[in-house]
Amino acid sequence: MKSTSVVKKIDPIGRITIPSELRRAINVEVKDPVELYNEKDLIILKKYEPIHTCIITGEESEKNLKLSDDVILSPTGVSILLEEIRKRF
């Protein structure tokens, strides 16, 4: 991916404008949530992707499986669910 560099000034209340070419580069549209965090002397901006919570264990992880809009399972949740299914059927 081509790197884009732009110099911007921060306005009096701490805002900056993110140029459209940078927004396109990370697939951010108007009103999309973005995440800001720092690593050492850098400020990182990225498109926000929520971490899904397992409906069985409550674990939050990027490793969780999203099986449909409403069914999210952690690896532990999958094991628990499979054991329940084996017991009942």
PDB file of N, CA and C in Angstrom:
ATOM      1  N   MET A   1       0.841  -1.172   0.000  1.00  0.00           N
ATOM      2  CA  MET A   1       0.000   0.000   0.000  1.00  0.00           C
ATOM      3  C   MET A   1       0.891   1.241   0.000  1.00  0.00           C
ATOM      4  N   LYS A   2       0.509   2.222  -0.787  1.00  0.00           N
ATOM      5  CA  LYS A   2       1.243   3.476  -0.869  1.00  0.00           C
ATOM      6  C   LYS A   2       1.013   4.298   0.396  1.00  0.00           C
ATOM      7  N   SER A   3       2.062   4.835   0.955  1.00  0.00           N
ATOM      8  CA  SER A   3       1.957   5.669   2.137  1.00  0.00           C
ATOM      9  C   SER A   3       1.677   7.108   1.714  1.00  0.00           C
ATOM     10  N   THR A   4       0.782   7.762   2.454  1.00  0.00           N
ATOM     11  CA  THR A   4       0.436   9.148   2.173  1.00  0.00           C
ATOM     12  C   THR A   4       0.798   9.988   3.388  1.00  0.00           C
ATOM     13  N   SER A   5       1.427  11.106   3.164  1.00  0.00           N
ATOM     14  CA  SER A   5       1.811  11.998   4.254  1.00  0.00           C
ATOM     15  C   SER A   5       1.214  13.372   4.001  1.00  0.00           C
ATOM     16  N   VAL A   6       0.600  13.931   5.040  1.00  0.00           N
ATOM     17  CA  VAL A   6       0.001  15.258   4.960  1.00  0.00           C
ATOM     18  C   VAL A   6       0.318  15.978   6.265  1.00  0.00           C
ATOM     19  N   VAL A   7       0.656  17.244   6.188  1.00  0.00           N
ATOM     20  CA  VAL A   7       0.903  18.047   7.380  1.00  0.00           C
ATOM     21  C   VAL A   7      -0.333  18.905   7.632  1.00  0.00           C
ATOM     22  N   LYS A   8      -0.864  18.848   8.833  1.00  0.00           N
ATOM     23  CA  LYS A   8      -2.053  19.618   9.214  1.00  0.00           C
ATOM     24  C   LYS A   8      -1.776  20.345  10.518  1.00  0.00           C
ATOM     25  N   LYS A   9      -2.457  21.465  10.713  1.00  0.00           N
ATOM     26  CA  LYS A   9      -2.385  22.184  11.986  1.00  0.00           C
ATOM     27  C   LYS A   9      -3.607  21.833  12.825  1.00  0.00           C
ATOM     28  N   ILE A  10      -3.400  21.759  14.116  1.00  0.00           N
ATOM     29  CA  ILE A  10      -4.499  21.509  15.049  1.00  0.00           C
ATOM     30  C   ILE A  10      -5.170  22.841  15.331  1.00  0.00           C
ATOM     31  N   ASP A  11      -6.525  22.865  15.291  1.00  0.00           N
ATOM     32  CA  ASP A  11      -7.236  24.125  15.532  1.00  0.00           C
ATOM     33  C   ASP A  11      -7.272  24.427  17.034  1.00  0.00           C
ATOM     34  N   PRO A  12      -7.785  25.599  17.431  1.00  0.00           N
ATOM     35  CA  PRO A  12      -7.747  26.013  18.842  1.00  0.00           C
ATOM     36  C   PRO A  12      -8.435  25.053  19.818  1.00  0.00           C
ATOM     37  N   ILE A  13      -9.380  24.241  19.346  1.00  0.00           N
ATOM     38  CA  ILE A  13     -10.018  23.310  20.288  1.00  0.00           C
ATOM     39  C   ILE A  13      -9.549  21.867  20.081  1.00  0.00           C
ATOM     40  N   GLY A  14      -8.410  21.686  19.394  1.00  0.00           N
ATOM     41  CA  GLY A  14      -7.768  20.382  19.302  1.00  0.00           C
ATOM     42  C   GLY A  14      -8.176  19.506  18.134  1.00  0.00           C
ATOM     43  N   ARG A  15      -8.866  20.067  17.143  1.00  0.00           N
ATOM     44  CA  ARG A  15      -9.330  19.261  16.013  1.00  0.00           C
ATOM     45  C   ARG A  15      -8.367  19.347  14.835  1.00  0.00           C
ATOM     46  N   ILE A  16      -8.397  18.285  14.030  1.00  0.00           N
ATOM     47  CA  ILE A  16      -7.736  18.295  12.734  1.00  0.00           C
ATOM     48  C   ILE A  16      -8.709  17.703  11.722  1.00  0.00           C
ATOM     49  N   THR A  17      -8.506  18.022  10.459  1.00  0.00           N
ATOM     50  CA  THR A  17      -9.301  17.455   9.389  1.00  0.00           C
ATOM     51  C   THR A  17      -8.512  16.299   8.790  1.00  0.00           C
ATOM     52  N   ILE A  18      -9.178  15.168   8.573  1.00  0.00           N
ATOM     53  CA  ILE A  18      -8.518  14.016   7.953  1.00  0.00           C
ATOM     54  C   ILE A  18      -8.827  14.077   6.459  1.00  0.00           C
ATOM     55  N   PRO A  19      -7.810  14.267   5.630  1.00  0.00           N
ATOM     56  CA  PRO A  19      -8.043  14.388   4.192  1.00  0.00           C
ATOM     57  C   PRO A  19      -8.724  13.150   3.607  1.00  0.00           C
ATOM     58  N   SER A  20      -9.515  13.376   2.568  1.00  0.00           N
ATOM     59  CA  SER A  20     -10.287  12.294   1.959  1.00  0.00           C
ATOM     60  C   SER A  20      -9.398  11.159   1.466  1.00  0.00           C
ATOM     61  N   GLU A  21      -8.211  11.461   0.943  1.00  0.00           N
ATOM     62  CA  GLU A  21      -7.347  10.383   0.453  1.00  0.00           C
ATOM     63  C   GLU A  21      -6.881   9.465   1.581  1.00  0.00           C
ATOM     64  N   LEU A  22      -6.698  10.019   2.769  1.00  0.00           N
ATOM     65  CA  LEU A  22      -6.348   9.178   3.920  1.00  0.00           C
ATOM     66  C   LEU A  22      -7.554   8.380   4.407  1.00  0.00           C
ATOM     67  N   ARG A  23      -8.735   9.005   4.411  1.00  0.00           N
ATOM     68  CA  ARG A  23      -9.944   8.272   4.817  1.00  0.00           C
ATOM     69  C   ARG A  23     -10.212   7.118   3.865  1.00  0.00           C
ATOM     70  N   ARG A  24     -10.042   7.372   2.570  1.00  0.00           N
ATOM     71  CA  ARG A  24     -10.237   6.298   1.580  1.00  0.00           C
ATOM     72  C   ARG A  24      -9.234   5.169   1.791  1.00  0.00           C
ATOM     73  N   ALA A  25      -8.012   5.513   2.151  1.00  0.00           N
ATOM     74  CA  ALA A  25      -6.954   4.513   2.323  1.00  0.00           C
ATOM     75  C   ALA A  25      -7.295   3.503   3.413  1.00  0.00           C
ATOM     76  N   ILE A  26      -8.058   3.940   4.431  1.00  0.00           N
ATOM     77  CA  ILE A  26      -8.434   3.010   5.501  1.00  0.00           C
ATOM     78  C   ILE A  26      -9.932   2.702   5.487  1.00  0.00           C
ATOM     79  N   ASN A  27     -10.586   3.045   4.383  1.00  0.00           N
ATOM     80  CA  ASN A  27     -12.004   2.731   4.178  1.00  0.00           C
ATOM     81  C   ASN A  27     -12.902   3.304   5.281  1.00  0.00           C
ATOM     82  N   VAL A  28     -12.717   4.586   5.573  1.00  0.00           N
ATOM     83  CA  VAL A  28     -13.539   5.273   6.572  1.00  0.00           C
ATOM     84  C   VAL A  28     -14.470   6.234   5.848  1.00  0.00           C
ATOM     85  N   GLU A  29     -15.756   6.097   6.131  1.00  0.00           N
ATOM     86  CA  GLU A  29     -16.776   6.965   5.547  1.00  0.00           C
ATOM     87  C   GLU A  29     -17.241   7.977   6.593  1.00  0.00           C
ATOM     88  N   VAL A  30     -17.997   8.969   6.166  1.00  0.00           N
ATOM     89  CA  VAL A  30     -18.570   9.957   7.076  1.00  0.00           C
ATOM     90  C   VAL A  30     -19.408   9.227   8.133  1.00  0.00           C
ATOM     91  N   LYS A  31     -19.229   9.598   9.371  1.00  0.00           N
ATOM     92  CA  LYS A  31     -19.924   9.059  10.542  1.00  0.00           C
ATOM     93  C   LYS A  31     -19.467   7.664  10.961  1.00  0.00           C
ATOM     94  N   ASP A  32     -18.468   7.069  10.303  1.00  0.00           N
ATOM     95  CA  ASP A  32     -17.907   5.808  10.775  1.00  0.00           C
ATOM     96  C   ASP A  32     -17.156   6.053  12.070  1.00  0.00           C
ATOM     97  N   PRO A  33     -17.230   5.130  13.022  1.00  0.00           N
ATOM     98  CA  PRO A  33     -16.431   5.295  14.237  1.00  0.00           C
ATOM     99  C   PRO A  33     -14.957   4.994  13.950  1.00  0.00           C
ATOM    100  N   VAL A  34     -14.083   5.763  14.563  1.00  0.00           N
ATOM    101  CA  VAL A  34     -12.649   5.526  14.453  1.00  0.00           C
ATOM    102  C   VAL A  34     -12.073   5.399  15.859  1.00  0.00           C
ATOM    103  N   GLU A  35     -10.970   4.704  15.952  1.00  0.00           N
ATOM    104  CA  GLU A  35     -10.301   4.496  17.237  1.00  0.00           C
ATOM    105  C   GLU A  35      -8.993   5.270  17.225  1.00  0.00           C
ATOM    106  N   LEU A  36      -8.733   5.989  18.292  1.00  0.00           N
ATOM    107  CA  LEU A  36      -7.482   6.733  18.456  1.00  0.00           C
ATOM    108  C   LEU A  36      -6.758   6.200  19.671  1.00  0.00           C
ATOM    109  N   TYR A  37      -5.474   5.930  19.535  1.00  0.00           N
ATOM    110  CA  TYR A  37      -4.669   5.530  20.677  1.00  0.00           C
ATOM    111  C   TYR A  37      -3.224   5.904  20.408  1.00  0.00           C
ATOM    112  N   ASN A  38      -2.409   5.844  21.434  1.00  0.00           N
ATOM    113  CA  ASN A  38      -1.013   6.203  21.222  1.00  0.00           C
ATOM    114  C   ASN A  38      -0.113   5.007  21.499  1.00  0.00           C
ATOM    115  N   GLU A  39       0.983   4.990  20.770  1.00  0.00           N
ATOM    116  CA  GLU A  39       2.075   4.042  20.986  1.00  0.00           C
ATOM    117  C   GLU A  39       3.343   4.868  21.006  1.00  0.00           C
ATOM    118  N   LYS A  40       3.929   4.975  22.180  1.00  0.00           N
ATOM    119  CA  LYS A  40       5.108   5.818  22.387  1.00  0.00           C
ATOM    120  C   LYS A  40       4.800   7.243  21.923  1.00  0.00           C
ATOM    121  N   ASP A  41       5.513   7.744  20.918  1.00  0.00           N
ATOM    122  CA  ASP A  41       5.308   9.128  20.483  1.00  0.00           C
ATOM    123  C   ASP A  41       4.406   9.238  19.251  1.00  0.00           C
ATOM    124  N   LEU A  42       3.652   8.177  18.932  1.00  0.00           N
ATOM    125  CA  LEU A  42       2.749   8.186  17.781  1.00  0.00           C
ATOM    126  C   LEU A  42       1.298   8.208  18.231  1.00  0.00           C
ATOM    127  N   ILE A  43       0.453   8.869  17.471  1.00  0.00           N
ATOM    128  CA  ILE A  43      -0.991   8.778  17.652  1.00  0.00           C
ATOM    129  C   ILE A  43      -1.506   7.951  16.491  1.00  0.00           C
ATOM    130  N   ILE A  44      -2.180   6.856  16.794  1.00  0.00           N
ATOM    131  CA  ILE A  44      -2.682   5.931  15.784  1.00  0.00           C
ATOM    132  C   ILE A  44      -4.179   6.162  15.610  1.00  0.00           C
ATOM    133  N   LEU A  45      -4.628   6.270  14.369  1.00  0.00           N
ATOM    134  CA  LEU A  45      -6.048   6.381  14.045  1.00  0.00           C
ATOM    135  C   LEU A  45      -6.382   5.209  13.136  1.00  0.00           C
ATOM    136  N   LYS A  46      -7.410   4.440  13.499  1.00  0.00           N
ATOM    137  CA  LYS A  46      -7.826   3.342  12.634  1.00  0.00           C
ATOM    138  C   LYS A  46      -9.334   3.186  12.697  1.00  0.00           C
ATOM    139  N   LYS A  47      -9.881   2.568  11.685  1.00  0.00           N
ATOM    140  CA  LYS A  47     -11.318   2.316  11.659  1.00  0.00           C
ATOM    141  C   LYS A  47     -11.654   1.411  12.837  1.00  0.00           C
ATOM    142  N   TYR A  48     -12.695   1.776  13.568  1.00  0.00           N
ATOM    143  CA  TYR A  48     -13.075   1.011  14.749  1.00  0.00           C
ATOM    144  C   TYR A  48     -13.766  -0.282  14.346  1.00  0.00           C
ATOM    145  N   GLU A  49     -13.268  -1.375  14.856  1.00  0.00           N
ATOM    146  CA  GLU A  49     -13.880  -2.686  14.672  1.00  0.00           C
ATOM    147  C   GLU A  49     -14.160  -3.235  16.070  1.00  0.00           C
ATOM    148  N   PRO A  50     -15.430  -3.355  16.453  1.00  0.00           N
ATOM    149  CA  PRO A  50     -15.729  -3.804  17.814  1.00  0.00           C
ATOM    150  C   PRO A  50     -15.241  -5.222  18.068  1.00  0.00           C
ATOM    151  N   ILE A  51     -14.802  -5.455  19.291  1.00  0.00           N
ATOM    152  CA  ILE A  51     -14.437  -6.803  19.711  1.00  0.00           C
ATOM    153  C   ILE A  51     -15.726  -7.484  20.130  1.00  0.00           C
ATOM    154  N   HIS A  52     -15.955  -8.644  19.597  1.00  0.00           N
ATOM    155  CA  HIS A  52     -17.207  -9.343  19.846  1.00  0.00           C
ATOM    156  C   HIS A  52     -17.144 -10.138  21.157  1.00  0.00           C
ATOM    157  N   THR A  53     -18.244 -10.131  21.883  1.00  0.00           N
ATOM    158  CA  THR A  53     -18.331 -10.793  23.173  1.00  0.00           C
ATOM    159  C   THR A  53     -19.055 -12.124  23.033  1.00  0.00           C
ATOM    160  N   CYS A  54     -18.460 -13.176  23.582  1.00  0.00           N
ATOM    161  CA  CYS A  54     -19.054 -14.515  23.544  1.00  0.00           C
ATOM    162  C   CYS A  54     -20.352 -14.528  24.341  1.00  0.00           C
ATOM    163  N   ILE A  55     -21.407 -15.105  23.757  1.00  0.00           N
ATOM    164  CA  ILE A  55     -22.706 -15.142  24.442  1.00  0.00           C
ATOM    165  C   ILE A  55     -22.733 -16.158  25.573  1.00  0.00           C
ATOM    166  N   ILE A  56     -21.761 -17.061  25.627  1.00  0.00           N
ATOM    167  CA  ILE A  56     -21.727 -18.072  26.688  1.00  0.00           C
ATOM    168  C   ILE A  56     -20.787 -17.678  27.817  1.00  0.00           C
ATOM    169  N   THR A  57     -19.562 -17.277  27.477  1.00  0.00           N
ATOM    170  CA  THR A  57     -18.555 -17.000  28.506  1.00  0.00           C
ATOM    171  C   THR A  57     -18.387 -15.523  28.829  1.00  0.00           C
ATOM    172  N   GLY A  58     -18.818 -14.649  27.923  1.00  0.00           N
ATOM    173  CA  GLY A  58     -18.605 -13.219  28.113  1.00  0.00           C
ATOM    174  C   GLY A  58     -17.207 -12.761  27.723  1.00  0.00           C
ATOM    175  N   GLU A  59     -16.394 -13.682  27.189  1.00  0.00           N
ATOM    176  CA  GLU A  59     -15.036 -13.333  26.782  1.00  0.00           C
ATOM    177  C   GLU A  59     -15.069 -12.390  25.577  1.00  0.00           C
ATOM    178  N   GLU A  60     -14.184 -11.397  25.594  1.00  0.00           N
ATOM    179  CA  GLU A  60     -14.038 -10.475  24.465  1.00  0.00           C
ATOM    180  C   GLU A  60     -12.697 -10.748  23.814  1.00  0.00           C
ATOM    181  N   SER A  61     -12.727 -11.103  22.529  1.00  0.00           N
ATOM    182  CA  SER A  61     -11.489 -11.416  21.825  1.00  0.00           C
ATOM    183  C   SER A  61     -11.697 -11.337  20.326  1.00  0.00           C
ATOM    184  N   GLU A  62     -10.614 -11.005  19.633  1.00  0.00           N
ATOM    185  CA  GLU A  62     -10.664 -11.027  18.172  1.00  0.00           C
ATOM    186  C   GLU A  62     -10.723 -12.464  17.650  1.00  0.00           C
ATOM    187  N   LYS A  63     -10.427 -13.442  18.508  1.00  0.00           N
ATOM    188  CA  LYS A  63     -10.456 -14.854  18.129  1.00  0.00           C
ATOM    189  C   LYS A  63     -11.876 -15.428  18.164  1.00  0.00           C
ATOM    190  N   ASN A  64     -12.827 -14.680  18.718  1.00  0.00           N
ATOM    191  CA  ASN A  64     -14.201 -15.169  18.796  1.00  0.00           C
ATOM    192  C   ASN A  64     -14.795 -15.348  17.408  1.00  0.00           C
ATOM    193  N   LEU A  65     -15.652 -16.349  17.272  1.00  0.00           N
ATOM    194  CA  LEU A  65     -16.302 -16.655  15.998  1.00  0.00           C
ATOM    195  C   LEU A  65     -17.645 -15.964  15.929  1.00  0.00           C
ATOM    196  N   LYS A  66     -17.914 -15.296  14.820  1.00  0.00           N
ATOM    197  CA  LYS A  66     -19.218 -14.678  14.598  1.00  0.00           C
ATOM    198  C   LYS A  66     -19.978 -15.577  13.636  1.00  0.00           C
ATOM    199  N   LEU A  67     -20.960 -16.327  14.157  1.00  0.00           N
ATOM    200  CA  LEU A  67     -21.683 -17.295  13.350  1.00  0.00           C
ATOM    201  C   LEU A  67     -22.891 -16.689  12.663  1.00  0.00           C
ATOM    202  N   SER A  68     -23.433 -15.654  13.213  1.00  0.00           N
ATOM    203  CA  SER A  68     -24.522 -14.895  12.602  1.00  0.00           C
ATOM    204  C   SER A  68     -24.512 -13.530  13.273  1.00  0.00           C
ATOM    205  N   ASP A  69     -25.511 -12.715  12.998  1.00  0.00           N
ATOM    206  CA  ASP A  69     -25.529 -11.390  13.626  1.00  0.00           C
ATOM    207  C   ASP A  69     -25.622 -11.469  15.149  1.00  0.00           C
ATOM    208  N   ASP A  70     -26.236 -12.540  15.673  1.00  0.00           N
ATOM    209  CA  ASP A  70     -26.486 -12.623  17.107  1.00  0.00           C
ATOM    210  C   ASP A  70     -25.683 -13.690  17.830  1.00  0.00           C
ATOM    211  N   VAL A  71     -24.988 -14.573  17.122  1.00  0.00           N
ATOM    212  CA  VAL A  71     -24.288 -15.684  17.769  1.00  0.00           C
ATOM    213  C   VAL A  71     -22.780 -15.488  17.634  1.00  0.00           C
ATOM    214  N   ILE A  72     -22.161 -15.151  18.761  1.00  0.00           N
ATOM    215  CA  ILE A  72     -20.721 -14.973  18.812  1.00  0.00           C
ATOM    216  C   ILE A  72     -20.197 -15.895  19.902  1.00  0.00           C
ATOM    217  N   LEU A  73     -19.205 -16.716  19.546  1.00  0.00           N
ATOM    218  CA  LEU A  73     -18.676 -17.698  20.480  1.00  0.00           C
ATOM    219  C   LEU A  73     -17.157 -17.618  20.567  1.00  0.00           C
ATOM    220  N   SER A  74     -16.645 -17.718  21.788  1.00  0.00           N
ATOM    221  CA  SER A  74     -15.207 -17.841  21.996  1.00  0.00           C
ATOM    222  C   SER A  74     -14.847 -19.308  21.817  1.00  0.00           C
ATOM    223  N   PRO A  75     -13.569 -19.623  21.673  1.00  0.00           N
ATOM    224  CA  PRO A  75     -13.183 -21.035  21.601  1.00  0.00           C
ATOM    225  C   PRO A  75     -13.682 -21.830  22.813  1.00  0.00           C
ATOM    226  N   THR A  76     -13.624 -21.246  24.006  1.00  0.00           N
ATOM    227  CA  THR A  76     -14.144 -21.912  25.200  1.00  0.00           C
ATOM    228  C   THR A  76     -15.651 -22.075  25.103  1.00  0.00           C
ATOM    229  N   GLY A  77     -16.347 -21.048  24.609  1.00  0.00           N
ATOM    230  CA  GLY A  77     -17.793 -21.114  24.436  1.00  0.00           C
ATOM    231  C   GLY A  77     -18.191 -22.204  23.462  1.00  0.00           C
ATOM    232  N   VAL A  78     -17.407 -22.377  22.390  1.00  0.00           N
ATOM    233  CA  VAL A  78     -17.673 -23.449  21.422  1.00  0.00           C
ATOM    234  C   VAL A  78     -17.577 -24.798  22.117  1.00  0.00           C
ATOM    235  N   SER A  79     -16.525 -24.989  22.932  1.00  0.00           N
ATOM    236  CA  SER A  79     -16.349 -26.262  23.657  1.00  0.00           C
ATOM    237  C   SER A  79     -17.517 -26.530  24.591  1.00  0.00           C
ATOM    238  N   ILE A  80     -17.946 -25.523  25.327  1.00  0.00           N
ATOM    239  CA  ILE A  80     -19.075 -25.672  26.252  1.00  0.00           C
ATOM    240  C   ILE A  80     -20.339 -26.022  25.485  1.00  0.00           C
ATOM    241  N   LEU A  81     -20.595 -25.324  24.398  1.00  0.00           N
ATOM    242  CA  LEU A  81     -21.787 -25.565  23.591  1.00  0.00           C
ATOM    243  C   LEU A  81     -21.777 -26.967  22.987  1.00  0.00           C
ATOM    244  N   LEU A  82     -20.640 -27.400  22.446  1.00  0.00           N
ATOM    245  CA  LEU A  82     -20.540 -28.743  21.873  1.00  0.00           C
ATOM    246  C   LEU A  82     -20.789 -29.816  22.923  1.00  0.00           C
ATOM    247  N   GLU A  83     -20.258 -29.619  24.113  1.00  0.00           N
ATOM    248  CA  GLU A  83     -20.473 -30.588  25.208  1.00  0.00           C
ATOM    249  C   GLU A  83     -21.952 -30.651  25.585  1.00  0.00           C
ATOM    250  N   GLU A  84     -22.614 -29.509  25.656  1.00  0.00           N
ATOM    251  CA  GLU A  84     -24.065 -29.480  25.943  1.00  0.00           C
ATOM    252  C   GLU A  84     -24.848 -30.223  24.866  1.00  0.00           C
ATOM    253  N   ILE A  85     -24.495 -29.978  23.601  1.00  0.00           N
ATOM    254  CA  ILE A  85     -25.194 -30.631  22.495  1.00  0.00           C
ATOM    255  C   ILE A  85     -24.986 -32.142  22.566  1.00  0.00           C
ATOM    256  N   ARG A  86     -23.758 -32.586  22.841  1.00  0.00           N
ATOM    257  CA  ARG A  86     -23.481 -34.020  22.957  1.00  0.00           C
ATOM    258  C   ARG A  86     -24.296 -34.669  24.070  1.00  0.00           C
ATOM    259  N   LYS A  87     -24.430 -33.969  25.185  1.00  0.00           N
ATOM    260  CA  LYS A  87     -25.185 -34.510  26.327  1.00  0.00           C
ATOM    261  C   LYS A  87     -26.677 -34.647  26.006  1.00  0.00           C
ATOM    262  N   ARG A  88     -27.213 -33.716  25.255  1.00  0.00           N
ATOM    263  CA  ARG A  88     -28.653 -33.681  25.023  1.00  0.00           C
ATOM    264  C   ARG A  88     -29.099 -34.469  23.812  1.00  0.00           C
ATOM    265  N   PHE A  89     -28.223 -34.730  22.859  1.00  0.00           N
ATOM    266  CA  PHE A  89     -28.649 -35.431  21.635  1.00  0.00           C
ATOM    267  C   PHE A  89     -27.919 -36.717  21.491  1.00  0.00           C
TER     268      PHE A  89
END
